Amino acid sequence: MTRIVAVRGALAPHRHTQSEITDIVARTCLPEGADRRVLDRLHRSTTVRSRHMTLPLQEYGELDGFGAANDVFVDSAPGLGAKVVRDALHTAGLSAADVDLLIFTSVTGVATPSIDARLVGRLGLRPDVKRLPLFGLGCAGGAAGLSRMHDYLLGRPDDVAVLLSVELCSLTFQRDDASMANLVATGLFGDGAAAVVACGVGRRDEAAGPTIVDTRSRLYPDTERVMGWDIKASGFQVVLDPTVPDVVRRHLADDVEGFLKDHGLKPKDVTAWVCHPGGPKVLHAVTEALDLPEEALDVTWRHLADVGNLSSASVLHVLRDTLAERRPPPGAPGVLLAMGPGFACELVLLRW
């Protein structure tokens, strides 16, 4: 099995209250003189209290098109990514030279050479480090990245792998777009990064942590327009269908129960649910579908309130906080789950 030995997170430098962000969205997205009551209601309903953003608020209105926003992503992502990787390696008691694989996931900007390539020299990684950049997985990218890390370490049990997520969601907000999807997204998403260090079963000298027992991916038919991007000259225009909670209710229980059954487990046996904070309606749908106790997703709800949805980085922040605060009994099972464009679900079975 793969052992997770460190999880670290970081947030973009500019913290703002939800009301401050709502005000700038009203000025940049709504027509002049428009009634903003719907926007105010949508932003309040997210339960988000504050978020971190890459730029000072006033500079978002000056971003002119995809190129300008993506330039900020390419300039900013390496610094935030380097910080969390260094922190995670330090926590694990490892050096950059120990890393054999670097996985990078993001859905909020593009770069060639990819961000992971730009980090090799900056972090002092070996020039023969293997790299795996992942794009398009959206909010499921953190869970999917853990799964692909596990796949690699099963075949390379003496290796060390690092998963890095950097999501600068604020750079995708669309000016002059008063669509319901954009107004919801501007009230929900924030900027942050996370890094996970994991070791194969052949390495016994690293810090104790949970193991990855198994993973499962599910892609649902005829759901391509439920979530994603439309790529425009103005950048990434969000596709966010209001049926997302319905898809969760329709599919999640069967997928989770079948996954656990293969290991002789039931949902009631799970001691910790590490769930991506997709938004209040999605979290209510997860709780309902899995018949979870009211407090089962407390860590996720708190993360959503404190920093919003960080796309692929969020579930890794929730994992970090669960490890720090909950500390389930040794040997107890846990489930990490996230959903994203496809529409898809990623499940990771953990053992503490």
Protein backbone atom coordinates (compact mmCIF):
# COMPACT_ATOMS: atom_id res chain seq x y z
CA MET A 1 0.00 0.00 0.00
CA THR A 2 0.95 3.64 -0.47
CA ARG A 3 1.65 5.65 2.68
CA ILE A 4 0.81 9.36 2.87
CA VAL A 5 3.57 10.95 4.94
CA ALA A 6 2.80 14.67 4.65
CA VAL A 7 0.00 17.00 3.51
CA ARG A 8 0.46 20.76 3.40
CA GLY A 9 -1.64 23.63 2.11
CA ALA A 10 -1.25 27.31 1.32
CA LEU A 11 -3.53 30.16 0.32
CA ALA A 12 -3.13 33.08 -2.07
CA PRO A 13 -1.87 36.31 -0.44
CA HIS A 14 -4.94 38.58 -0.56
CA ARG A 15 -7.72 37.69 1.88
CA HIS A 16 -11.13 39.33 1.50
CA THR A 17 -14.50 38.93 3.12
CA GLN A 18 -17.33 37.57 1.05
CA SER A 19 -19.10 40.94 1.06
CA GLU A 20 -16.01 42.68 -0.34
CA ILE A 21 -15.83 40.14 -3.17
CA THR A 22 -19.56 40.47 -3.84
CA ASP A 23 -19.14 44.22 -4.25
CA ILE A 24 -16.40 43.88 -6.87
CA VAL A 25 -18.40 41.20 -8.72
CA ALA A 26 -21.39 43.55 -8.82
CA ARG A 27 -19.23 46.28 -10.39
CA THR A 28 -17.51 44.06 -12.96
CA CYS A 29 -20.18 41.49 -13.89
CA LEU A 30 -23.58 43.20 -13.66
CA PRO A 31 -24.85 45.77 -16.17
CA GLU A 32 -24.76 49.35 -14.95
CA GLY A 33 -27.77 50.09 -12.76
CA ALA A 34 -28.77 46.43 -12.50
CA ASP A 35 -30.57 45.10 -9.42
CA ARG A 36 -27.96 43.14 -7.43
CA ARG A 37 -30.33 41.38 -5.03
CA VAL A 38 -30.01 38.03 -6.83
CA LEU A 39 -26.20 38.28 -6.70
CA ASP A 40 -26.29 39.12 -2.98
CA ARG A 41 -28.59 36.18 -2.28
CA LEU A 42 -26.45 33.75 -4.28
CA HIS A 43 -23.23 34.78 -2.54
CA ARG A 44 -24.82 34.59 0.92
CA SER A 45 -26.21 31.13 0.19
CA THR A 46 -22.72 29.68 -0.40
CA THR A 47 -22.03 29.98 3.39
CA VAL A 48 -18.53 31.26 2.47
CA ARG A 49 -17.28 33.95 4.85
CA SER A 50 -13.93 34.82 3.27
CA ARG A 51 -11.62 33.84 0.45
CA HIS A 52 -8.03 34.32 -0.66
CA MET A 53 -7.23 35.76 -4.08
CA THR A 54 -4.09 36.07 -6.15
CA LEU A 55 -4.45 39.76 -7.04
CA PRO A 56 -5.71 42.78 -5.10
CA LEU A 57 -9.44 43.06 -5.73
CA GLN A 58 -9.26 46.24 -7.80
CA GLU A 59 -6.95 44.60 -10.36
CA TYR A 60 -9.45 41.96 -11.47
CA GLY A 61 -11.45 44.50 -13.42
CA GLU A 62 -8.29 45.34 -15.40
CA LEU A 63 -7.63 41.80 -16.68
CA ASP A 64 -8.35 41.96 -20.39
CA GLY A 65 -8.98 38.52 -21.83
CA PHE A 66 -7.60 35.03 -21.53
CA GLY A 67 -3.97 35.95 -22.23
CA ALA A 68 -3.76 38.50 -19.42
CA ALA A 69 -5.36 36.18 -16.86
CA ASN A 70 -3.25 33.23 -17.92
CA ASP A 71 -0.06 35.30 -17.68
CA VAL A 72 -0.89 35.93 -14.03
CA PHE A 73 -1.41 32.18 -13.54
CA VAL A 74 1.98 31.36 -15.07
CA ASP A 75 3.69 34.04 -12.96
CA SER A 76 1.95 33.15 -9.67
CA ALA A 77 1.44 29.39 -9.63
CA PRO A 78 5.14 28.39 -9.33
CA GLY A 79 5.70 30.47 -6.19
CA LEU A 80 2.66 29.13 -4.35
CA GLY A 81 3.41 25.61 -5.56
CA ALA A 82 7.06 25.75 -4.48
CA LYS A 83 6.04 26.85 -0.99
CA VAL A 84 3.68 23.93 -0.33
CA VAL A 85 6.06 21.33 -1.81
CA ARG A 86 8.93 22.58 0.36
CA ASP A 87 6.67 22.55 3.43
CA ALA A 88 5.43 19.03 2.69
CA LEU A 89 8.93 17.63 2.11
CA HIS A 90 10.16 19.26 5.31
CA THR A 91 7.26 17.75 7.26
CA ALA A 92 8.03 14.34 5.76
CA GLY A 93 11.72 14.61 6.64
CA LEU A 94 12.70 14.30 2.98
CA SER A 95 14.74 16.38 0.57
CA ALA A 96 13.95 17.46 -2.98
CA ALA A 97 16.52 14.93 -4.21
CA ASP A 98 14.41 12.10 -2.76
CA VAL A 99 11.48 12.80 -5.09
CA ASP A 100 11.04 10.35 -7.96
CA LEU A 101 7.67 11.55 -9.33
CA LEU A 102 6.01 14.98 -9.37
CA ILE A 103 2.31 15.08 -10.31
CA PHE A 104 0.82 18.51 -10.97
CA THR A 105 -2.90 19.18 -11.27
CA SER A 106 -4.75 22.39 -12.06
CA VAL A 107 -7.74 23.51 -14.09
CA THR A 108 -7.38 27.29 -13.79
CA GLY A 109 -4.47 28.01 -16.15
CA VAL A 110 -2.24 26.45 -18.79
CA ALA A 111 1.50 26.56 -19.37
CA THR A 112 4.07 24.94 -21.64
CA PRO A 113 6.57 24.12 -20.22
CA SER A 114 4.11 23.02 -17.55
CA ILE A 115 4.23 24.39 -14.00
CA ASP A 116 5.83 21.17 -12.73
CA ALA A 117 8.68 21.57 -15.22
CA ARG A 118 9.24 25.14 -14.04
CA LEU A 119 9.51 23.89 -10.46
CA VAL A 120 12.23 21.27 -10.99
CA GLY A 121 15.15 23.71 -10.86
CA ARG A 122 13.46 26.03 -8.41
CA LEU A 123 12.96 23.24 -5.87
CA GLY A 124 16.23 21.42 -6.55
CA LEU A 125 14.52 18.27 -7.81
CA ARG A 126 16.67 15.77 -9.69
CA PRO A 127 16.85 16.31 -13.47
CA ASP A 128 15.64 12.73 -13.97
CA VAL A 129 12.48 13.27 -11.87
CA LYS A 130 9.38 11.89 -13.60
CA ARG A 131 6.60 14.42 -14.19
CA LEU A 132 2.88 13.99 -14.77
CA PRO A 133 0.89 17.19 -15.42
CA LEU A 134 -2.89 16.70 -15.21
CA PHE A 135 -5.43 19.15 -16.64
CA GLY A 136 -9.22 19.07 -16.95
CA LEU A 137 -10.10 17.09 -13.83
CA GLY A 138 -11.39 20.16 -12.02
CA CYS A 139 -12.54 19.67 -8.45
CA ALA A 140 -11.84 15.92 -8.73
CA GLY A 141 -8.15 16.53 -9.50
CA GLY A 142 -6.87 16.21 -5.93
CA ALA A 143 -8.51 12.82 -5.42
CA ALA A 144 -7.58 11.65 -8.93
CA GLY A 145 -4.00 12.77 -8.35
CA LEU A 146 -3.82 10.65 -5.19
CA SER A 147 -5.14 7.70 -7.19
CA ARG A 148 -2.55 8.06 -9.96
CA MET A 149 0.17 8.50 -7.32
CA HIS A 150 -0.98 5.22 -5.74
CA ASP A 151 -0.93 3.46 -9.12
CA TYR A 152 2.66 4.58 -9.69
CA LEU A 153 3.90 3.58 -6.24
CA LEU A 154 2.38 0.12 -6.51
CA GLY A 155 4.79 -0.46 -9.38
CA ARG A 156 7.67 1.49 -7.81
CA PRO A 157 7.44 0.58 -4.09
CA ASP A 158 10.82 2.13 -3.20
CA ASP A 159 9.96 5.54 -4.66
CA VAL A 160 8.75 8.86 -3.29
CA ALA A 161 6.00 10.78 -5.09
CA VAL A 162 4.67 14.31 -4.66
CA LEU A 163 1.23 15.51 -5.73
CA LEU A 164 0.89 19.29 -6.19
CA SER A 165 -2.34 21.17 -6.83
CA VAL A 166 -2.41 24.90 -7.57
CA GLU A 167 -5.78 26.45 -8.34
CA LEU A 168 -6.12 30.21 -8.95
CA CYS A 169 -9.86 30.19 -9.50
CA SER A 170 -10.30 33.96 -9.24
CA LEU A 171 -8.45 34.36 -12.56
CA THR A 172 -11.30 32.57 -14.33
CA PHE A 173 -14.07 34.95 -13.21
CA GLN A 174 -15.66 36.54 -16.27
CA ARG A 175 -16.16 40.28 -16.55
CA ASP A 176 -19.50 41.48 -17.92
CA ASP A 177 -21.02 38.02 -17.47
CA ALA A 178 -24.23 38.14 -15.43
CA SER A 179 -25.12 34.50 -16.09
CA MET A 180 -26.30 32.47 -13.12
CA ALA A 181 -23.33 30.08 -13.45
CA ASN A 182 -20.78 32.91 -13.31
CA LEU A 183 -22.50 34.60 -10.38
CA VAL A 184 -22.51 31.33 -8.41
CA ALA A 185 -18.85 30.63 -9.26
CA THR A 186 -17.75 34.12 -8.24
CA GLY A 187 -19.34 33.49 -4.84
CA LEU A 188 -17.85 30.08 -4.25
CA PHE A 189 -14.29 29.66 -5.54
CA GLY A 190 -10.99 30.88 -4.08
CA ASP A 191 -7.25 30.51 -4.68
CA GLY A 192 -4.89 28.07 -3.00
CA ALA A 193 -2.50 25.15 -3.29
CA ALA A 194 -1.78 21.84 -1.61
CA ALA A 195 0.95 19.21 -1.73
CA VAL A 196 0.98 15.56 -0.66
CA VAL A 197 4.10 13.46 -0.17
CA ALA A 198 3.64 9.69 -0.37
CA CYS A 199 5.99 6.70 -0.27
CA GLY A 200 5.75 3.17 -1.60
CA VAL A 201 5.57 0.18 0.69
CA GLY A 202 9.29 -0.50 0.23
CA ARG A 203 10.23 2.62 2.22
CA ARG A 204 9.88 2.05 5.94
CA ASP A 205 11.84 4.99 7.31
CA GLU A 206 9.34 7.75 6.72
CA ALA A 207 6.88 9.40 9.14
CA ALA A 208 3.71 7.50 9.97
CA GLY A 209 0.55 8.42 8.10
CA PRO A 210 -2.56 6.89 6.56
CA THR A 211 -2.26 4.36 3.77
CA ILE A 212 -4.10 4.30 0.46
CA VAL A 213 -5.76 0.89 0.24
CA ASP A 214 -7.61 1.23 -3.07
CA THR A 215 -9.09 3.76 -5.49
CA ARG A 216 -12.01 3.93 -7.88
CA SER A 217 -13.01 6.27 -10.71
CA ARG A 218 -16.54 6.68 -12.03
CA LEU A 219 -17.59 8.58 -15.16
CA TYR A 220 -21.32 9.13 -15.64
CA PRO A 221 -22.83 8.98 -19.15
CA ASP A 222 -24.51 11.98 -20.78
CA THR A 223 -23.25 14.45 -18.17
CA GLU A 224 -20.60 16.33 -20.17
CA ARG A 225 -22.45 19.65 -19.82
CA VAL A 226 -23.05 19.36 -16.09
CA MET A 227 -19.70 20.98 -15.18
CA GLY A 228 -16.65 22.31 -16.98
CA TRP A 229 -15.31 25.20 -19.05
CA ASP A 230 -16.27 26.81 -22.32
CA ILE A 231 -13.00 28.25 -23.64
CA LYS A 232 -13.60 31.79 -24.91
CA ALA A 233 -11.44 34.74 -25.90
CA SER A 234 -12.25 36.10 -22.44
CA GLY A 235 -10.92 32.94 -20.78
CA PHE A 236 -12.49 30.00 -18.97
CA GLN A 237 -16.27 30.50 -18.90
CA VAL A 238 -17.78 28.24 -16.26
CA VAL A 239 -20.30 25.53 -17.07
CA LEU A 240 -22.21 24.77 -13.88
CA ASP A 241 -25.58 23.09 -14.21
CA PRO A 242 -28.00 23.26 -11.26
CA THR A 243 -28.58 19.49 -11.60
CA VAL A 244 -25.20 18.64 -9.98
CA PRO A 245 -26.81 17.73 -6.61
CA ASP A 246 -29.32 15.52 -8.44
CA VAL A 247 -26.49 13.62 -10.15
CA VAL A 248 -24.88 13.10 -6.75
CA ARG A 249 -28.11 11.76 -5.26
CA ARG A 250 -28.65 9.45 -8.21
CA HIS A 251 -25.21 7.84 -8.34
CA LEU A 252 -23.04 8.36 -5.28
CA ALA A 253 -24.56 5.87 -2.84
CA ASP A 254 -24.27 2.92 -5.24
CA ASP A 255 -20.68 3.82 -6.11
CA VAL A 256 -19.52 4.24 -2.51
CA GLU A 257 -21.37 1.17 -1.23
CA GLY A 258 -20.00 -1.00 -4.04
CA PHE A 259 -16.48 0.29 -3.47
CA LEU A 260 -16.63 -0.43 0.26
CA LYS A 261 -18.31 -3.81 -0.23
CA ASP A 262 -15.28 -5.01 -2.20
CA HIS A 263 -13.31 -4.56 1.03
CA GLY A 264 -15.91 -6.05 3.37
CA LEU A 265 -17.02 -2.62 4.58
CA LYS A 266 -20.19 -0.54 4.80
CA PRO A 267 -20.58 3.25 5.04
CA LYS A 268 -21.26 2.95 8.78
CA ASP A 269 -17.74 1.47 9.21
CA VAL A 270 -16.05 4.60 7.86
CA THR A 271 -14.54 6.69 10.65
CA ALA A 272 -13.71 9.81 8.60
CA TRP A 273 -15.20 11.25 5.41
CA VAL A 274 -12.74 13.50 3.59
CA CYS A 275 -15.08 15.22 1.17
CA HIS A 276 -14.51 17.98 -1.38
CA PRO A 277 -16.55 21.14 -0.53
CA GLY A 278 -18.51 21.40 -3.76
CA GLY A 279 -20.96 23.87 -2.24
CA PRO A 280 -23.84 23.69 0.24
CA LYS A 281 -26.31 21.95 -2.08
CA VAL A 282 -23.72 19.35 -3.08
CA LEU A 283 -22.71 18.70 0.53
CA HIS A 284 -26.33 18.26 1.54
CA ALA A 285 -26.74 15.83 -1.37
CA VAL A 286 -23.67 13.82 -0.26
CA THR A 287 -24.94 13.67 3.32
CA GLU A 288 -28.39 12.58 2.17
CA ALA A 289 -27.17 10.02 -0.38
CA LEU A 290 -24.81 8.31 2.07
CA ASP A 291 -27.11 8.75 5.09
CA LEU A 292 -24.28 10.33 7.06
CA PRO A 293 -24.52 11.74 10.58
CA GLU A 294 -24.94 15.50 10.64
CA GLU A 295 -21.40 16.06 11.92
CA ALA A 296 -19.68 13.71 9.42
CA LEU A 297 -18.65 16.55 7.07
CA ASP A 298 -17.86 19.18 9.72
CA VAL A 299 -14.26 19.63 8.53
CA THR A 300 -15.45 20.16 4.97
CA TRP A 301 -18.13 22.67 5.97
CA ARG A 302 -15.60 24.67 8.00
CA HIS A 303 -13.15 24.70 5.10
CA LEU A 304 -15.88 26.00 2.78
CA ALA A 305 -16.78 28.79 5.19
CA ASP A 306 -13.18 29.84 5.85
CA VAL A 307 -11.69 29.83 2.34
CA GLY A 308 -14.32 28.72 -0.18
CA ASN A 309 -13.91 26.02 -2.81
CA LEU A 310 -10.28 25.71 -4.01
CA SER A 311 -11.15 23.26 -6.80
CA SER A 312 -8.69 20.31 -6.81
CA ALA A 313 -6.74 21.65 -3.81
CA SER A 314 -9.73 21.69 -1.46
CA VAL A 315 -10.04 17.98 -0.73
CA LEU A 316 -6.33 17.92 0.11
CA HIS A 317 -6.82 20.79 2.57
CA VAL A 318 -9.67 18.82 4.13
CA LEU A 319 -7.36 15.77 4.33
CA ARG A 320 -4.70 17.87 6.07
CA ASP A 321 -7.20 19.21 8.59
CA THR A 322 -8.67 15.77 9.23
CA LEU A 323 -5.20 14.40 9.98
CA ALA A 324 -4.48 17.31 12.32
CA GLU A 325 -7.80 17.42 14.16
CA ARG A 326 -9.61 14.11 14.04
CA ARG A 327 -6.90 11.44 14.20
CA PRO A 328 -9.15 8.38 13.68
CA PRO A 329 -8.11 5.18 15.50
CA PRO A 330 -5.18 3.31 13.92
CA GLY A 331 -6.39 0.79 11.36
CA ALA A 332 -9.80 2.42 10.93
CA PRO A 333 -11.09 3.00 7.38
CA GLY A 334 -11.66 6.41 5.83
CA VAL A 335 -12.99 7.58 2.47
CA LEU A 336 -11.73 10.55 0.48
CA LEU A 337 -14.06 11.63 -2.33
CA ALA A 338 -14.39 14.41 -4.87
CA MET A 339 -16.45 15.06 -7.99
CA GLY A 340 -15.70 17.11 -11.05
CA PRO A 341 -16.11 17.62 -14.80
CA GLY A 342 -17.03 14.58 -16.80
CA PHE A 343 -19.23 14.37 -14.73
CA ALA A 344 -17.03 12.11 -12.63
CA CYS A 345 -16.42 10.86 -9.12
CA GLU A 346 -13.08 9.84 -7.58
CA LEU A 347 -12.96 7.62 -4.48
CA VAL A 348 -9.94 6.80 -2.33
CA LEU A 349 -10.09 4.22 0.48
CA LEU A 350 -7.76 5.12 3.33
CA ARG A 351 -6.64 3.23 6.40
CA TRP A 352 -5.49 5.36 9.32
